Amino acid sequence: MGIPYSKQINAAFDEVTPLVTAGFEVLQTLKNIALTVAVIQVLTVVILTAVLIVLVALLITINPDLATERKLVVTPVVRWFVHVWLEMQSHWRTVLIGGMIILLGVALGAVGGVLMTQKDFQKLAEEEQQPSKEKSAETVDADEG
């Protein structure tokens, strides 16, 4: 009497195991999505903060009632920016080489990221194909038996 129950339990485990594996893959995907959403939220906050600063500076610059605030806040910032810009123009070759190095680093990082994720995707594709091959073999065995 214990043997049929053991076969049923084994059959149940065989049915549940792929579901658990699929659930684990879903959790990994959700983790990646959550991290991506967190990065997007941080970038959104940075961009919105920059927009807010620009709008406040624009308000101070345009409003004639805020002439003293313009002299205290906007004028020094604009002077500093122009000073930095003029310094960079005198060192344009250094800036150009630095920019090229940064672009090269970004390109290498992008290529490395694509290559690393491509291996992961190939591995996942192979793992997805293996259960389908096993199921087709089980179907053939069931048809013969």
C-alpha atoms as a PDB file:
ATOM      1  CA  MET A   1       0.000   0.000   0.000  1.00  0.00           C
ATOM      2  CA  GLY A   2       2.961   2.320   0.545  1.00  0.00           C
ATOM      3  CA  ILE A   3       4.376   1.817  -2.958  1.00  0.00           C
ATOM      4  CA  PRO A   4       1.609   3.573  -4.963  1.00  0.00           C
ATOM      5  CA  TYR A   5       1.768   6.516  -2.611  1.00  0.00           C
ATOM      6  CA  SER A   6       5.545   6.708  -3.099  1.00  0.00           C
ATOM      7  CA  LYS A   7       5.064   6.725  -6.874  1.00  0.00           C
ATOM      8  CA  GLN A   8       2.464   9.464  -6.533  1.00  0.00           C
ATOM      9  CA  ILE A   9       4.768  11.527  -4.325  1.00  0.00           C
ATOM     10  CA  ASN A  10       7.639  11.107  -6.771  1.00  0.00           C
ATOM     11  CA  ALA A  11       5.344  12.085  -9.639  1.00  0.00           C
ATOM     12  CA  ALA A  12       4.231  15.153  -7.687  1.00  0.00           C
ATOM     13  CA  PHE A  13       7.858  16.148  -7.041  1.00  0.00           C
ATOM     14  CA  ASP A  14       8.635  15.677 -10.735  1.00  0.00           C
ATOM     15  CA  GLU A  15       5.782  18.032 -11.591  1.00  0.00           C
ATOM     16  CA  VAL A  16       6.644  20.637  -8.962  1.00  0.00           C
ATOM     17  CA  THR A  17      10.410  20.819  -9.570  1.00  0.00           C
ATOM     18  CA  PRO A  18      10.144  22.692 -12.913  1.00  0.00           C
ATOM     19  CA  LEU A  19       7.687  25.102 -11.322  1.00  0.00           C
ATOM     20  CA  VAL A  20      10.120  25.874  -8.521  1.00  0.00           C
ATOM     21  CA  THR A  21      12.903  26.412 -11.053  1.00  0.00           C
ATOM     22  CA  ALA A  22      10.696  28.734 -13.091  1.00  0.00           C
ATOM     23  CA  GLY A  23       9.737  30.611  -9.920  1.00  0.00           C
ATOM     24  CA  PHE A  24      13.397  31.096  -9.059  1.00  0.00           C
ATOM     25  CA  GLU A  25      14.088  32.483 -12.548  1.00  0.00           C
ATOM     26  CA  VAL A  26      11.154  34.875 -12.137  1.00  0.00           C
ATOM     27  CA  LEU A  27      12.576  36.059  -8.820  1.00  0.00           C
ATOM     28  CA  GLN A  28      15.965  36.691 -10.429  1.00  0.00           C
ATOM     29  CA  THR A  29      14.289  38.667 -13.209  1.00  0.00           C
ATOM     30  CA  LEU A  30      12.281  40.679 -10.683  1.00  0.00           C
ATOM     31  CA  LYS A  31      15.483  41.428  -8.774  1.00  0.00           C
ATOM     32  CA  ASN A  32      17.105  42.757 -11.956  1.00  0.00           C
ATOM     33  CA  ILE A  33      14.018  44.821 -12.751  1.00  0.00           C
ATOM     34  CA  ALA A  34      13.961  46.242  -9.221  1.00  0.00           C
ATOM     35  CA  LEU A  35      17.603  47.301  -9.489  1.00  0.00           C
ATOM     36  CA  THR A  36      16.972  48.908 -12.869  1.00  0.00           C
ATOM     37  CA  VAL A  37      13.962  50.799 -11.512  1.00  0.00           C
ATOM     38  CA  ALA A  38      16.041  52.010  -8.552  1.00  0.00           C
ATOM     39  CA  VAL A  39      18.733  53.369 -10.881  1.00  0.00           C
ATOM     40  CA  ILE A  40      16.097  55.065 -13.030  1.00  0.00           C
ATOM     41  CA  GLN A  41      14.555  56.665  -9.943  1.00  0.00           C
ATOM     42  CA  VAL A  42      17.907  58.032  -8.801  1.00  0.00           C
ATOM     43  CA  LEU A  43      18.581  59.479 -12.260  1.00  0.00           C
ATOM     44  CA  THR A  44      15.091  60.993 -12.287  1.00  0.00           C
ATOM     45  CA  VAL A  45      15.740  62.702  -8.960  1.00  0.00           C
ATOM     46  CA  VAL A  46      19.047  64.096 -10.237  1.00  0.00           C
ATOM     47  CA  ILE A  47      17.444  65.419 -13.418  1.00  0.00           C
ATOM     48  CA  LEU A  48      14.485  66.942 -11.565  1.00  0.00           C
ATOM     49  CA  THR A  49      16.850  68.613  -9.092  1.00  0.00           C
ATOM     50  CA  ALA A  50      18.840  70.111 -11.954  1.00  0.00           C
ATOM     51  CA  VAL A  51      15.625  71.360 -13.579  1.00  0.00           C
ATOM     52  CA  LEU A  52      14.528  72.921 -10.288  1.00  0.00           C
ATOM     53  CA  ILE A  53      17.858  74.713  -9.874  1.00  0.00           C
ATOM     54  CA  VAL A  54      17.692  76.036 -13.439  1.00  0.00           C
ATOM     55  CA  LEU A  55      14.111  77.260 -12.981  1.00  0.00           C
ATOM     56  CA  VAL A  56      14.968  79.053  -9.729  1.00  0.00           C
ATOM     57  CA  ALA A  57      18.005  80.647 -11.396  1.00  0.00           C
ATOM     58  CA  LEU A  58      15.803  81.701 -14.318  1.00  0.00           C
ATOM     59  CA  LEU A  59      13.253  83.183 -11.944  1.00  0.00           C
ATOM     60  CA  ILE A  60      15.934  85.145 -10.130  1.00  0.00           C
ATOM     61  CA  THR A  61      17.446  86.307 -13.422  1.00  0.00           C
ATOM     62  CA  ILE A  62      14.196  87.479 -15.026  1.00  0.00           C
ATOM     63  CA  ASN A  63      12.339  88.987 -12.066  1.00  0.00           C
ATOM     64  CA  PRO A  64      13.302  92.695 -11.716  1.00  0.00           C
ATOM     65  CA  ASP A  65      12.376  92.673  -8.010  1.00  0.00           C
ATOM     66  CA  LEU A  66      15.193  90.197  -7.296  1.00  0.00           C
ATOM     67  CA  ALA A  67      18.103  92.327  -8.539  1.00  0.00           C
ATOM     68  CA  THR A  68      20.074  91.981  -5.284  1.00  0.00           C
ATOM     69  CA  GLU A  69      19.627  88.188  -5.289  1.00  0.00           C
ATOM     70  CA  ARG A  70      20.791  88.108  -8.902  1.00  0.00           C
ATOM     71  CA  LYS A  71      23.963  89.987  -7.964  1.00  0.00           C
ATOM     72  CA  LEU A  72      24.581  87.687  -4.986  1.00  0.00           C
ATOM     73  CA  VAL A  73      23.743  84.313  -6.525  1.00  0.00           C
ATOM     74  CA  VAL A  74      23.595  84.258 -10.315  1.00  0.00           C
ATOM     75  CA  THR A  75      26.397  86.632 -11.235  1.00  0.00           C
ATOM     76  CA  PRO A  76      29.156  84.750  -9.328  1.00  0.00           C
ATOM     77  CA  VAL A  77      27.994  81.413 -10.737  1.00  0.00           C
ATOM     78  CA  VAL A  78      27.951  82.759 -14.294  1.00  0.00           C
ATOM     79  CA  ARG A  79      31.388  84.354 -13.809  1.00  0.00           C
ATOM     80  CA  TRP A  80      32.789  81.080 -12.491  1.00  0.00           C
ATOM     81  CA  PHE A  81      31.288  79.145 -15.419  1.00  0.00           C
ATOM     82  CA  VAL A  82      32.726  81.590 -17.966  1.00  0.00           C
ATOM     83  CA  HIS A  83      36.124  81.435 -16.239  1.00  0.00           C
ATOM     84  CA  VAL A  84      36.144  77.621 -16.361  1.00  0.00           C
ATOM     85  CA  TRP A  85      35.011  77.694 -20.003  1.00  0.00           C
ATOM     86  CA  LEU A  86      37.801  80.083 -20.997  1.00  0.00           C
ATOM     87  CA  GLU A  87      40.375  77.943 -19.164  1.00  0.00           C
ATOM     88  CA  MET A  88      39.147  74.871 -20.991  1.00  0.00           C
ATOM     89  CA  GLN A  89      39.465  76.656 -24.324  1.00  0.00           C
ATOM     90  CA  SER A  90      43.116  77.354 -23.621  1.00  0.00           C
ATOM     91  CA  HIS A  91      43.621  73.674 -22.797  1.00  0.00           C
ATOM     92  CA  TRP A  92      41.428  72.290 -25.582  1.00  0.00           C
ATOM     93  CA  ARG A  93      43.894  69.564 -26.486  1.00  0.00           C
ATOM     94  CA  THR A  94      43.894  68.169 -22.931  1.00  0.00           C
ATOM     95  CA  VAL A  95      40.113  68.286 -22.820  1.00  0.00           C
ATOM     96  CA  LEU A  96      39.889  66.582 -26.215  1.00  0.00           C
ATOM     97  CA  ILE A  97      42.239  63.773 -25.179  1.00  0.00           C
ATOM     98  CA  GLY A  98      40.403  63.347 -21.865  1.00  0.00           C
ATOM     99  CA  GLY A  99      37.084  63.185 -23.678  1.00  0.00           C
ATOM    100  CA  MET A 100      38.425  60.589 -26.097  1.00  0.00           C
ATOM    101  CA  ILE A 101      39.686  58.483 -23.184  1.00  0.00           C
ATOM    102  CA  ILE A 102      36.274  58.710 -21.501  1.00  0.00           C
ATOM    103  CA  LEU A 103      34.493  57.760 -24.738  1.00  0.00           C
ATOM    104  CA  LEU A 104      36.870  54.837 -25.224  1.00  0.00           C
ATOM    105  CA  GLY A 105      36.163  53.661 -21.678  1.00  0.00           C
ATOM    106  CA  VAL A 106      32.417  53.913 -22.239  1.00  0.00           C
ATOM    107  CA  ALA A 107      32.696  51.977 -25.507  1.00  0.00           C
ATOM    108  CA  LEU A 108      34.817  49.242 -23.906  1.00  0.00           C
ATOM    109  CA  GLY A 109      32.389  49.032 -20.990  1.00  0.00           C
ATOM    110  CA  ALA A 110      29.435  48.706 -23.357  1.00  0.00           C
ATOM    111  CA  VAL A 111      31.146  45.980 -25.385  1.00  0.00           C
ATOM    112  CA  GLY A 112      32.130  44.131 -22.208  1.00  0.00           C
ATOM    113  CA  GLY A 113      28.589  44.387 -20.869  1.00  0.00           C
ATOM    114  CA  VAL A 114      27.107  43.039 -24.088  1.00  0.00           C
ATOM    115  CA  LEU A 115      29.569  40.139 -24.152  1.00  0.00           C
ATOM    116  CA  MET A 116      28.933  39.265 -20.509  1.00  0.00           C
ATOM    117  CA  THR A 117      25.157  39.355 -20.842  1.00  0.00           C
ATOM    118  CA  GLN A 118      25.265  37.493 -24.163  1.00  0.00           C
ATOM    119  CA  LYS A 119      26.837  34.486 -22.408  1.00  0.00           C
ATOM    120  CA  ASP A 120      24.137  34.623 -19.735  1.00  0.00           C
ATOM    121  CA  PHE A 121      21.391  34.780 -22.355  1.00  0.00           C
ATOM    122  CA  GLN A 122      22.875  31.855 -24.266  1.00  0.00           C
ATOM    123  CA  LYS A 123      23.049  29.848 -21.054  1.00  0.00           C
ATOM    124  CA  LEU A 124      19.422  30.675 -20.226  1.00  0.00           C
ATOM    125  CA  ALA A 125      18.317  29.754 -23.743  1.00  0.00           C
ATOM    126  CA  GLU A 126      20.091  26.399 -23.486  1.00  0.00           C
ATOM    127  CA  GLU A 127      18.491  25.740 -20.093  1.00  0.00           C
ATOM    128  CA  GLU A 128      15.059  26.561 -21.516  1.00  0.00           C
ATOM    129  CA  GLN A 129      15.580  24.158 -24.425  1.00  0.00           C
ATOM    130  CA  GLN A 130      16.732  21.260 -22.238  1.00  0.00           C
ATOM    131  CA  PRO A 131      13.407  20.792 -20.374  1.00  0.00           C
ATOM    132  CA  SER A 132      11.522  20.836 -23.691  1.00  0.00           C
ATOM    133  CA  LYS A 133      13.827  18.085 -25.007  1.00  0.00           C
ATOM    134  CA  GLU A 134      13.232  16.063 -21.829  1.00  0.00           C
ATOM    135  CA  LYS A 135       9.456  16.531 -22.155  1.00  0.00           C
ATOM    136  CA  SER A 136       9.532  15.393 -25.786  1.00  0.00           C
ATOM    137  CA  ALA A 137      11.531  12.305 -24.733  1.00  0.00           C
ATOM    138  CA  GLU A 138       8.965  11.590 -21.984  1.00  0.00           C
ATOM    139  CA  THR A 139       6.143  11.946 -24.517  1.00  0.00           C
ATOM    140  CA  VAL A 140       7.852   9.433 -26.855  1.00  0.00           C
ATOM    141  CA  ASP A 141       8.368   7.031 -23.928  1.00  0.00           C
ATOM    142  CA  ALA A 142       4.705   7.364 -22.896  1.00  0.00           C
ATOM    143  CA  ASP A 143       3.525   6.706 -26.464  1.00  0.00           C
ATOM    144  CA  GLU A 144       5.660   3.558 -26.689  1.00  0.00           C
ATOM    145  CA  GLY A 145       4.574   2.236 -23.238  1.00  0.00           C
END
